[in-house]
Amino acid sequence: MTMETHWYTLGVVTLLCLCVHSYALFAKHDEPPPKPGQCPNTLYTFPSRLGCSSDQDCEDYEKCCTYNCGSVCVAPHYIKALCPDSSGTGTCEQECECDDDCKRGKKCCFNGCAKECMPPKIVKPGFCGFPTFSPCGVTCLDDGYCSGDDKCCPSFCGHFCRIPM
């Protein structure tokens, strides 16, 4: 192999690696992230729907969970639930006074004007550490979107699920 052929081959391989890496970073991921919360270990309530293939098949904040009887839509189990960050002014109609006034795992939270029932922000134990290089995009909004003990952590261009420190 001549020196010229060697450098040509090295250039082609480098270009190919850059193309593959760029695709992995910037490719659009159309699959929506799972809904927050974890599937309960046992089915203790009657499911709202029998048969589902993803969380998007279920109403509101319910998750598609698999048990011995098959996949069903049920209310998720939350680890630690906080009110989501208030983003300006919501509806000014008082919907609730406390969490017990809300159904299906929602929390009674201030929306900037009044209290309303909202899906909670999930916070799992542990820390994310420094942002890492990972595929760009948002694969989670809070820890509840991540399976098991994983946390929703920032990267240099989005958020992704990872094992906490």
C-alpha atoms as a PDB file:
ATOM      1  CA  MET A   1       0.000   0.000   0.000  1.00  0.00           C
ATOM      2  CA  THR A   2       1.405   3.360  -0.970  1.00  0.00           C
ATOM      3  CA  MET A   3       1.434   6.342   1.359  1.00  0.00           C
ATOM      4  CA  GLU A   4      -1.068   8.121  -0.894  1.00  0.00           C
ATOM      5  CA  THR A   5      -3.494   5.172  -0.719  1.00  0.00           C
ATOM      6  CA  HIS A   6      -3.058   5.039   3.057  1.00  0.00           C
ATOM      7  CA  TRP A   7      -4.032   8.714   3.521  1.00  0.00           C
ATOM      8  CA  TYR A   8      -6.933   8.371   1.063  1.00  0.00           C
ATOM      9  CA  THR A   9      -8.294   5.337   2.966  1.00  0.00           C
ATOM     10  CA  LEU A  10      -7.850   7.104   6.304  1.00  0.00           C
ATOM     11  CA  GLY A  11      -9.734  10.145   4.975  1.00  0.00           C
ATOM     12  CA  VAL A  12     -12.636   8.032   3.691  1.00  0.00           C
ATOM     13  CA  VAL A  13     -12.907   6.143   7.000  1.00  0.00           C
ATOM     14  CA  THR A  14     -12.823   9.412   8.972  1.00  0.00           C
ATOM     15  CA  LEU A  15     -15.523  10.942   6.762  1.00  0.00           C
ATOM     16  CA  LEU A  16     -17.684   7.836   7.134  1.00  0.00           C
ATOM     17  CA  CYS A  17     -17.327   7.939  10.935  1.00  0.00           C
ATOM     18  CA  LEU A  18     -18.291  11.628  10.993  1.00  0.00           C
ATOM     19  CA  CYS A  19     -21.383  10.953   8.881  1.00  0.00           C
ATOM     20  CA  VAL A  20     -22.537   8.097  11.126  1.00  0.00           C
ATOM     21  CA  HIS A  21     -21.860  10.137  14.287  1.00  0.00           C
ATOM     22  CA  SER A  22     -23.717  13.179  12.872  1.00  0.00           C
ATOM     23  CA  TYR A  23     -26.706  11.025  11.992  1.00  0.00           C
ATOM     24  CA  ALA A  24     -26.805   9.609  15.525  1.00  0.00           C
ATOM     25  CA  LEU A  25     -26.651  13.104  17.021  1.00  0.00           C
ATOM     26  CA  PHE A  26     -29.065  14.925  14.764  1.00  0.00           C
ATOM     27  CA  ALA A  27     -31.462  12.248  13.535  1.00  0.00           C
ATOM     28  CA  LYS A  28     -35.056  13.020  14.416  1.00  0.00           C
ATOM     29  CA  HIS A  29     -36.488  10.531  16.876  1.00  0.00           C
ATOM     30  CA  ASP A  30     -40.240  10.431  16.251  1.00  0.00           C
ATOM     31  CA  GLU A  31     -41.098   7.996  19.036  1.00  0.00           C
ATOM     32  CA  PRO A  32     -42.678   9.951  21.911  1.00  0.00           C
ATOM     33  CA  PRO A  33     -41.131   9.454  25.354  1.00  0.00           C
ATOM     34  CA  PRO A  34     -42.944   7.277  27.888  1.00  0.00           C
ATOM     35  CA  LYS A  35     -45.298   9.047  30.280  1.00  0.00           C
ATOM     36  CA  PRO A  36     -44.047   9.832  33.786  1.00  0.00           C
ATOM     37  CA  GLY A  37     -44.330   7.368  36.652  1.00  0.00           C
ATOM     38  CA  GLN A  38     -43.659   3.667  37.069  1.00  0.00           C
ATOM     39  CA  CYS A  39     -45.972   0.725  36.507  1.00  0.00           C
ATOM     40  CA  PRO A  40     -47.244  -0.637  39.841  1.00  0.00           C
ATOM     41  CA  ASN A  41     -45.707  -4.006  40.785  1.00  0.00           C
ATOM     42  CA  THR A  42     -49.152  -5.579  41.072  1.00  0.00           C
ATOM     43  CA  LEU A  43     -52.445  -4.723  39.431  1.00  0.00           C
ATOM     44  CA  TYR A  44     -54.572  -3.456  42.333  1.00  0.00           C
ATOM     45  CA  THR A  45     -57.258  -1.498  40.460  1.00  0.00           C
ATOM     46  CA  PHE A  46     -59.455  -2.283  37.492  1.00  0.00           C
ATOM     47  CA  PRO A  47     -57.666  -1.007  34.370  1.00  0.00           C
ATOM     48  CA  SER A  48     -59.299   1.695  32.267  1.00  0.00           C
ATOM     49  CA  ARG A  49     -58.372  -0.158  29.077  1.00  0.00           C
ATOM     50  CA  LEU A  50     -57.433  -3.740  28.226  1.00  0.00           C
ATOM     51  CA  GLY A  51     -54.785  -4.115  25.545  1.00  0.00           C
ATOM     52  CA  CYS A  52     -52.216  -1.426  24.750  1.00  0.00           C
ATOM     53  CA  SER A  53     -48.797  -1.301  23.119  1.00  0.00           C
ATOM     54  CA  SER A  54     -47.441   2.032  24.418  1.00  0.00           C
ATOM     55  CA  ASP A  55     -48.283   4.781  26.908  1.00  0.00           C
ATOM     56  CA  GLN A  56     -49.778   6.821  24.065  1.00  0.00           C
ATOM     57  CA  ASP A  57     -52.589   4.238  23.803  1.00  0.00           C
ATOM     58  CA  CYS A  58     -53.709   5.226  27.317  1.00  0.00           C
ATOM     59  CA  GLU A  59     -55.765   8.249  28.376  1.00  0.00           C
ATOM     60  CA  ASP A  60     -54.334  11.280  30.154  1.00  0.00           C
ATOM     61  CA  TYR A  61     -51.330  10.335  32.267  1.00  0.00           C
ATOM     62  CA  GLU A  62     -52.046   6.569  32.486  1.00  0.00           C
ATOM     63  CA  LYS A  63     -49.306   4.125  31.474  1.00  0.00           C
ATOM     64  CA  CYS A  64     -49.387   0.920  29.465  1.00  0.00           C
ATOM     65  CA  CYS A  65     -48.254  -1.764  31.937  1.00  0.00           C
ATOM     66  CA  THR A  66     -47.782  -5.489  31.330  1.00  0.00           C
ATOM     67  CA  TYR A  67     -49.013  -8.086  33.820  1.00  0.00           C
ATOM     68  CA  ASN A  68     -49.870 -11.802  33.648  1.00  0.00           C
ATOM     69  CA  CYS A  69     -53.257 -10.873  32.165  1.00  0.00           C
ATOM     70  CA  GLY A  70     -51.626  -8.840  29.371  1.00  0.00           C
ATOM     71  CA  SER A  71     -51.008  -5.136  28.764  1.00  0.00           C
ATOM     72  CA  VAL A  72     -53.440  -2.696  30.349  1.00  0.00           C
ATOM     73  CA  CYS A  73     -53.765   1.055  30.996  1.00  0.00           C
ATOM     74  CA  VAL A  74     -53.451   1.949  34.688  1.00  0.00           C
ATOM     75  CA  ALA A  75     -52.558   4.911  36.879  1.00  0.00           C
ATOM     76  CA  PRO A  76     -48.792   4.969  37.451  1.00  0.00           C
ATOM     77  CA  HIS A  77     -46.946   4.794  40.750  1.00  0.00           C
ATOM     78  CA  TYR A  78     -44.914   7.898  41.522  1.00  0.00           C
ATOM     79  CA  ILE A  79     -41.733   7.937  43.568  1.00  0.00           C
ATOM     80  CA  LYS A  80     -41.677  11.581  44.709  1.00  0.00           C
ATOM     81  CA  ALA A  81     -44.097  13.963  43.103  1.00  0.00           C
ATOM     82  CA  LEU A  82     -43.679  17.735  43.032  1.00  0.00           C
ATOM     83  CA  CYS A  83     -45.743  20.423  41.393  1.00  0.00           C
ATOM     84  CA  PRO A  84     -44.365  21.295  37.957  1.00  0.00           C
ATOM     85  CA  ASP A  85     -42.731  24.691  37.536  1.00  0.00           C
ATOM     86  CA  SER A  86     -45.378  27.351  37.040  1.00  0.00           C
ATOM     87  CA  SER A  87     -45.050  28.705  33.512  1.00  0.00           C
ATOM     88  CA  GLY A  88     -46.894  32.007  33.674  1.00  0.00           C
ATOM     89  CA  THR A  89     -50.598  32.324  34.242  1.00  0.00           C
ATOM     90  CA  GLY A  90     -52.898  29.364  33.792  1.00  0.00           C
ATOM     91  CA  THR A  91     -56.667  29.258  34.084  1.00  0.00           C
ATOM     92  CA  CYS A  92     -57.914  31.351  37.002  1.00  0.00           C
ATOM     93  CA  GLU A  93     -60.601  28.859  37.996  1.00  0.00           C
ATOM     94  CA  GLN A  94     -59.912  27.224  41.381  1.00  0.00           C
ATOM     95  CA  GLU A  95     -60.116  23.480  40.622  1.00  0.00           C
ATOM     96  CA  CYS A  96     -58.802  22.045  43.899  1.00  0.00           C
ATOM     97  CA  GLU A  97     -57.619  22.799  47.437  1.00  0.00           C
ATOM     98  CA  CYS A  98     -55.429  19.734  48.072  1.00  0.00           C
ATOM     99  CA  ASP A  99     -54.116  16.623  46.256  1.00  0.00           C
ATOM    100  CA  ASP A 100     -57.086  14.549  47.488  1.00  0.00           C
ATOM    101  CA  ASP A 101     -59.358  16.711  45.306  1.00  0.00           C
ATOM    102  CA  CYS A 102     -57.491  15.482  42.206  1.00  0.00           C
ATOM    103  CA  LYS A 103     -58.022  12.167  40.446  1.00  0.00           C
ATOM    104  CA  ARG A 104     -55.724   9.754  38.663  1.00  0.00           C
ATOM    105  CA  GLY A 105     -52.439  10.651  40.382  1.00  0.00           C
ATOM    106  CA  LYS A 106     -52.527  14.370  39.669  1.00  0.00           C
ATOM    107  CA  LYS A 107     -51.448  17.004  42.211  1.00  0.00           C
ATOM    108  CA  CYS A 108     -53.188  20.198  43.272  1.00  0.00           C
ATOM    109  CA  CYS A 109     -50.717  22.898  42.172  1.00  0.00           C
ATOM    110  CA  PHE A 110     -50.675  26.675  41.765  1.00  0.00           C
ATOM    111  CA  ASN A 111     -50.635  27.550  38.056  1.00  0.00           C
ATOM    112  CA  GLY A 112     -49.798  31.239  38.427  1.00  0.00           C
ATOM    113  CA  CYS A 113     -53.388  32.333  39.069  1.00  0.00           C
ATOM    114  CA  ALA A 114     -55.278  29.551  40.886  1.00  0.00           C
ATOM    115  CA  LYS A 115     -54.894  25.920  41.944  1.00  0.00           C
ATOM    116  CA  GLU A 116     -55.574  23.188  39.408  1.00  0.00           C
ATOM    117  CA  CYS A 117     -54.976  19.431  39.125  1.00  0.00           C
ATOM    118  CA  MET A 118     -51.764  18.812  37.168  1.00  0.00           C
ATOM    119  CA  PRO A 119     -49.562  15.822  36.330  1.00  0.00           C
ATOM    120  CA  PRO A 120     -46.728  15.863  38.890  1.00  0.00           C
ATOM    121  CA  LYS A 121     -43.031  16.383  38.271  1.00  0.00           C
ATOM    122  CA  ILE A 122     -41.247  13.217  39.416  1.00  0.00           C
ATOM    123  CA  VAL A 123     -37.953  13.416  41.331  1.00  0.00           C
ATOM    124  CA  LYS A 124     -35.962  10.224  41.976  1.00  0.00           C
ATOM    125  CA  PRO A 125     -33.064  10.014  44.424  1.00  0.00           C
ATOM    126  CA  GLY A 126     -29.509  10.567  43.210  1.00  0.00           C
ATOM    127  CA  PHE A 127     -27.649  13.172  41.187  1.00  0.00           C
ATOM    128  CA  CYS A 128     -27.011  13.595  37.474  1.00  0.00           C
ATOM    129  CA  GLY A 129     -23.455  14.899  37.695  1.00  0.00           C
ATOM    130  CA  PHE A 130     -21.921  16.921  34.878  1.00  0.00           C
ATOM    131  CA  PRO A 131     -23.661  17.105  31.479  1.00  0.00           C
ATOM    132  CA  THR A 132     -22.417  14.455  29.070  1.00  0.00           C
ATOM    133  CA  PHE A 133     -22.145  14.001  25.326  1.00  0.00           C
ATOM    134  CA  SER A 134     -25.174  11.994  24.287  1.00  0.00           C
ATOM    135  CA  PRO A 135     -27.550  11.996  21.318  1.00  0.00           C
ATOM    136  CA  CYS A 136     -29.245  15.376  20.900  1.00  0.00           C
ATOM    137  CA  GLY A 137     -32.911  15.715  21.652  1.00  0.00           C
ATOM    138  CA  VAL A 138     -35.284  15.393  24.550  1.00  0.00           C
ATOM    139  CA  THR A 139     -35.994  11.797  25.587  1.00  0.00           C
ATOM    140  CA  CYS A 140     -37.406  12.810  28.993  1.00  0.00           C
ATOM    141  CA  LEU A 141     -38.957  15.802  30.750  1.00  0.00           C
ATOM    142  CA  ASP A 142     -38.442  14.684  34.352  1.00  0.00           C
ATOM    143  CA  ASP A 143     -37.322  11.563  36.241  1.00  0.00           C
ATOM    144  CA  GLY A 144     -40.766   9.984  35.837  1.00  0.00           C
ATOM    145  CA  TYR A 145     -40.123   9.480  32.115  1.00  0.00           C
ATOM    146  CA  CYS A 146     -37.141   7.225  32.907  1.00  0.00           C
ATOM    147  CA  SER A 147     -37.421   3.532  33.749  1.00  0.00           C
ATOM    148  CA  GLY A 148     -36.232   1.971  36.991  1.00  0.00           C
ATOM    149  CA  ASP A 149     -33.858   4.131  39.029  1.00  0.00           C
ATOM    150  CA  ASP A 150     -32.673   6.200  36.039  1.00  0.00           C
ATOM    151  CA  LYS A 151     -32.882   9.998  36.228  1.00  0.00           C
ATOM    152  CA  CYS A 152     -33.615  12.577  33.529  1.00  0.00           C
ATOM    153  CA  CYS A 153     -30.290  14.396  33.141  1.00  0.00           C
ATOM    154  CA  PRO A 154     -29.103  17.257  30.944  1.00  0.00           C
ATOM    155  CA  SER A 155     -26.691  16.705  28.088  1.00  0.00           C
ATOM    156  CA  PHE A 156     -24.999  19.398  26.029  1.00  0.00           C
ATOM    157  CA  CYS A 157     -27.992  19.462  23.660  1.00  0.00           C
ATOM    158  CA  GLY A 158     -31.059  18.029  25.405  1.00  0.00           C
ATOM    159  CA  HIS A 159     -32.099  15.654  28.180  1.00  0.00           C
ATOM    160  CA  PHE A 160     -31.778  11.868  28.433  1.00  0.00           C
ATOM    161  CA  CYS A 161     -32.242   9.058  30.983  1.00  0.00           C
ATOM    162  CA  ARG A 162     -29.149   7.755  32.769  1.00  0.00           C
ATOM    163  CA  ILE A 163     -28.098   5.907  35.907  1.00  0.00           C
ATOM    164  CA  PRO A 164     -27.690   8.441  38.752  1.00  0.00           C
ATOM    165  CA  MET A 165     -24.440   9.001  40.604  1.00  0.00           C
END
